[in-house]
């Protein structure tokens, strides 16, 4: 059965436009399982993987799309783009003292599902702990006393004060910025469409 009239390929394309890359990959997987010769399935899965920062995963899909459709300029362009990205990543690893960061190192923890595990939340809160950032007495902006606690939500007074503070073009203290970012991360980690991106440290 050809997936040309099947919902998954259509949804995959729509998910890519919505930047819901994990869902796009899932539907492309389904399309390929239905018909392994379906070129757009490989191309769309590769597109979603590349857009989410996974060039090594995207490259085989673009190569397969190009193998099945040798005249595709888009597939050729994306194969080269993946190769260039992987080359730059390797050069960055080679330039870093000691080479690439090994899984399980303090800078790259061995987490099977970085976004959705309690281990990940503990790791990020240990590395970026708002409580470790002192708020100077001279800081005149709003204060959020519980921001270092996991699951803590900003108070209404803090949000209203923050809005007024930023309208006057004032800066928010980094302690509270960290608290907000960690809260957003915890919230988004429960979204099935979110994909983790590994960022290498070069120095």
Protein backbone atom coordinates (compact mmCIF):
# COMPACT_ATOMS: atom_id res chain seq x y z
CA UNK A 1 0.00 0.00 0.00
CA UNK A 2 1.37 3.38 -0.96
CA UNK A 3 1.28 6.07 1.76
CA UNK A 4 0.47 8.76 -0.81
CA UNK A 5 -3.12 8.79 0.49
CA UNK A 6 -2.20 7.91 4.09
CA UNK A 7 -2.36 10.57 6.86
CA UNK A 8 1.17 10.18 8.37
CA UNK A 9 3.14 11.79 5.49
CA UNK A 10 0.74 14.72 5.36
CA UNK A 11 0.94 15.21 9.13
CA UNK A 12 4.71 14.91 9.05
CA UNK A 13 4.96 17.83 6.64
CA UNK A 14 2.54 19.86 8.75
CA UNK A 15 4.45 19.08 11.94
CA UNK A 16 7.68 20.29 10.33
CA UNK A 17 6.01 23.60 9.50
CA UNK A 18 4.86 23.84 13.13
CA UNK A 19 8.40 22.99 14.31
CA UNK A 20 7.03 19.91 16.10
CA UNK A 21 9.98 17.85 14.96
CA UNK A 22 9.60 14.83 17.25
CA UNK A 23 6.05 14.30 16.01
CA UNK A 24 7.21 14.76 12.41
CA UNK A 25 9.84 12.05 12.90
CA UNK A 26 7.27 9.71 14.42
CA UNK A 27 4.87 10.10 11.49
CA UNK A 28 7.68 9.77 8.95
CA UNK A 29 8.69 6.52 10.67
CA UNK A 30 5.13 5.32 10.19
CA UNK A 31 5.12 6.28 6.50
CA UNK A 32 8.39 4.45 5.87
CA UNK A 33 7.11 1.38 7.72
CA UNK A 34 4.04 1.34 5.46
CA UNK A 35 6.09 1.76 2.30
CA UNK A 36 9.92 1.63 2.54
CA UNK A 37 10.17 2.95 -1.04
CA UNK A 38 8.37 6.20 -0.17
CA UNK A 39 11.05 8.83 -0.83
CA UNK A 40 9.27 11.71 0.89
CA UNK A 41 9.21 9.71 4.12
CA UNK A 42 13.02 9.68 4.24
CA UNK A 43 13.27 13.29 3.13
CA UNK A 44 10.80 14.55 5.73
CA UNK A 45 12.32 12.53 8.53
CA UNK A 46 15.74 13.83 7.59
CA UNK A 47 14.41 17.37 7.47
CA UNK A 48 12.89 17.05 10.95
CA UNK A 49 16.07 15.51 12.39
CA UNK A 50 18.30 18.15 10.82
CA UNK A 51 16.06 20.97 12.00
CA UNK A 52 16.28 19.59 15.54
CA UNK A 53 20.07 19.56 15.42
CA UNK A 54 20.62 15.86 14.69
CA UNK A 55 22.75 16.00 11.54
CA UNK A 56 24.21 12.51 12.08
CA UNK A 57 20.70 11.05 12.20
CA UNK A 58 19.49 13.09 9.23
CA UNK A 59 22.36 12.22 6.88
CA UNK A 60 21.38 8.55 6.24
CA UNK A 61 17.82 9.62 5.44
CA UNK A 62 18.93 12.23 2.92
CA UNK A 63 21.40 9.75 1.41
CA UNK A 64 18.59 7.20 1.06
CA UNK A 65 16.31 9.81 -0.51
CA UNK A 66 19.09 10.72 -2.95
CA UNK A 67 19.74 7.06 -3.75
CA UNK A 68 16.08 6.55 -4.60
CA UNK A 69 15.80 9.86 -6.43
CA UNK A 70 19.26 10.71 -7.87
CA UNK A 71 18.01 13.86 -9.60
CA UNK A 72 16.78 15.54 -6.43
CA UNK A 73 18.62 18.84 -5.95
CA UNK A 74 17.08 19.23 -2.50
CA UNK A 75 18.38 15.87 -1.33
CA UNK A 76 21.87 16.64 -2.69
CA UNK A 77 21.85 20.02 -0.93
CA UNK A 78 20.82 18.48 2.39
CA UNK A 79 23.38 15.67 2.16
CA UNK A 80 26.09 18.29 1.72
CA UNK A 81 24.66 20.41 4.55
CA UNK A 82 24.76 17.43 6.94
CA UNK A 83 28.28 16.52 5.88
CA UNK A 84 29.46 20.10 6.43
CA UNK A 85 27.87 20.23 9.90
CA UNK A 86 29.40 16.91 10.93
CA UNK A 87 32.78 18.03 9.61
CA UNK A 88 32.64 21.22 11.68
CA UNK A 89 31.60 19.24 14.75
CA UNK A 90 34.55 16.88 14.31
CA UNK A 91 36.92 19.81 13.85
CA UNK A 92 35.55 21.32 17.06
CA UNK A 93 36.08 18.07 18.95
CA UNK A 94 39.60 17.74 17.56
CA UNK A 95 40.39 21.31 18.62
CA UNK A 96 39.17 20.69 22.17
CA UNK A 97 41.84 19.48 24.60
CA UNK A 98 41.16 15.79 25.15
CA UNK A 99 38.89 15.52 22.12
CA UNK A 100 35.13 15.02 22.22
CA UNK A 101 33.33 15.00 25.54
CA UNK A 102 32.69 11.38 26.56
CA UNK A 103 29.19 10.40 27.70
CA UNK A 104 29.02 10.40 31.49
CA UNK A 105 31.52 13.23 31.95
CA UNK A 106 30.47 16.12 34.24
CA UNK A 107 29.93 18.28 31.16
CA UNK A 108 27.95 15.62 29.30
CA UNK A 109 26.00 13.42 31.74
CA UNK A 110 24.92 9.95 30.69
CA UNK A 111 21.16 10.51 30.58
CA UNK A 112 19.08 8.19 28.42
CA UNK A 113 16.27 10.69 27.91
CA UNK A 114 17.70 14.09 28.84
CA UNK A 115 14.45 16.03 28.67
CA UNK A 116 12.04 13.69 30.39
CA UNK A 117 13.94 12.17 33.32
CA UNK A 118 14.10 13.18 36.97
CA UNK A 119 17.87 12.68 36.72
CA UNK A 120 18.05 15.41 34.10
CA UNK A 121 16.05 17.85 36.22
CA UNK A 122 18.35 17.23 39.18
CA UNK A 123 21.42 17.67 36.98
CA UNK A 124 20.29 20.98 35.53
CA UNK A 125 19.22 22.35 38.90
CA UNK A 126 22.57 21.34 40.38
CA UNK A 127 24.49 22.96 37.54
CA UNK A 128 22.35 26.09 37.35
CA UNK A 129 21.13 26.62 40.91
CA UNK A 130 19.46 30.00 41.46
CA UNK A 131 20.20 29.72 45.18
CA UNK A 132 23.92 29.98 44.40
CA UNK A 133 23.41 33.43 42.87
CA UNK A 134 23.37 36.22 45.44
CA UNK A 135 20.97 39.12 44.99
CA UNK A 136 22.72 42.37 45.81
CA UNK A 137 21.09 44.75 48.26
CA UNK A 138 21.19 47.42 45.55
CA UNK A 139 18.87 45.41 43.28
CA UNK A 140 15.63 47.38 43.00
CA UNK A 141 13.59 44.93 40.96
CA UNK A 142 10.96 42.44 42.09
CA UNK A 143 12.06 39.47 44.20
CA UNK A 144 10.97 35.84 44.00
CA UNK A 145 12.05 34.18 47.21
CA UNK A 146 11.16 30.57 46.28
CA UNK A 147 12.67 30.51 42.78
CA UNK A 148 15.34 27.94 43.69
CA UNK A 149 12.77 25.27 44.62
CA UNK A 150 11.81 22.68 41.99
CA UNK A 151 8.22 23.16 40.89
CA UNK A 152 7.97 26.63 42.41
CA UNK A 153 5.72 29.03 40.54
CA UNK A 154 6.22 32.80 40.41
CA UNK A 155 3.83 34.74 42.62
CA UNK A 156 1.34 37.17 41.12
CA UNK A 157 3.15 40.03 42.85
CA UNK A 158 6.45 38.98 41.29
CA UNK A 159 4.98 38.75 37.78
CA UNK A 160 3.25 42.13 38.05
CA UNK A 161 6.39 43.70 39.49
CA UNK A 162 8.51 42.10 36.78
CA UNK A 163 6.25 43.50 34.06
CA UNK A 164 6.48 47.02 35.44
CA UNK A 165 10.24 46.66 36.04
CA UNK A 166 10.92 45.59 32.44
CA UNK A 167 8.63 48.25 30.96
CA UNK A 168 11.02 50.79 32.42
CA UNK A 169 13.85 48.98 30.55
CA UNK A 170 15.39 47.63 33.74
CA UNK A 171 17.25 44.32 33.87
CA UNK A 172 16.00 41.29 35.78
CA UNK A 173 18.45 39.76 38.23
CA UNK A 174 20.05 36.58 36.88
CA UNK A 175 18.92 34.61 39.95
CA UNK A 176 15.33 35.06 38.85
CA UNK A 177 16.16 34.57 35.18
CA UNK A 178 17.61 31.17 36.10
CA UNK A 179 14.52 30.31 38.12
CA UNK A 180 12.25 31.24 35.21
CA UNK A 181 14.30 29.30 32.65
CA UNK A 182 14.43 26.18 34.83
CA UNK A 183 10.67 26.41 35.33
CA UNK A 184 10.12 26.73 31.59
CA UNK A 185 12.40 23.76 30.98
CA UNK A 186 10.48 21.62 33.46
CA UNK A 187 7.22 22.65 31.81
CA UNK A 188 8.39 21.98 28.25
CA UNK A 189 9.99 18.67 29.21
CA UNK A 190 6.50 17.26 29.52
CA UNK A 191 5.75 18.12 25.87
CA UNK A 192 6.15 15.10 23.58
CA UNK A 193 7.18 17.33 20.68
CA UNK A 194 10.32 18.61 22.39
CA UNK A 195 13.72 17.26 21.33
CA UNK A 196 16.97 17.56 23.27
CA UNK A 197 19.91 19.29 21.57
CA UNK A 198 23.45 18.50 22.69
CA UNK A 199 25.71 21.55 22.52
CA UNK A 200 29.42 20.90 22.60
CA UNK A 201 31.77 23.02 24.70
CA UNK A 202 34.90 23.80 22.72
CA UNK A 203 36.95 25.22 25.58
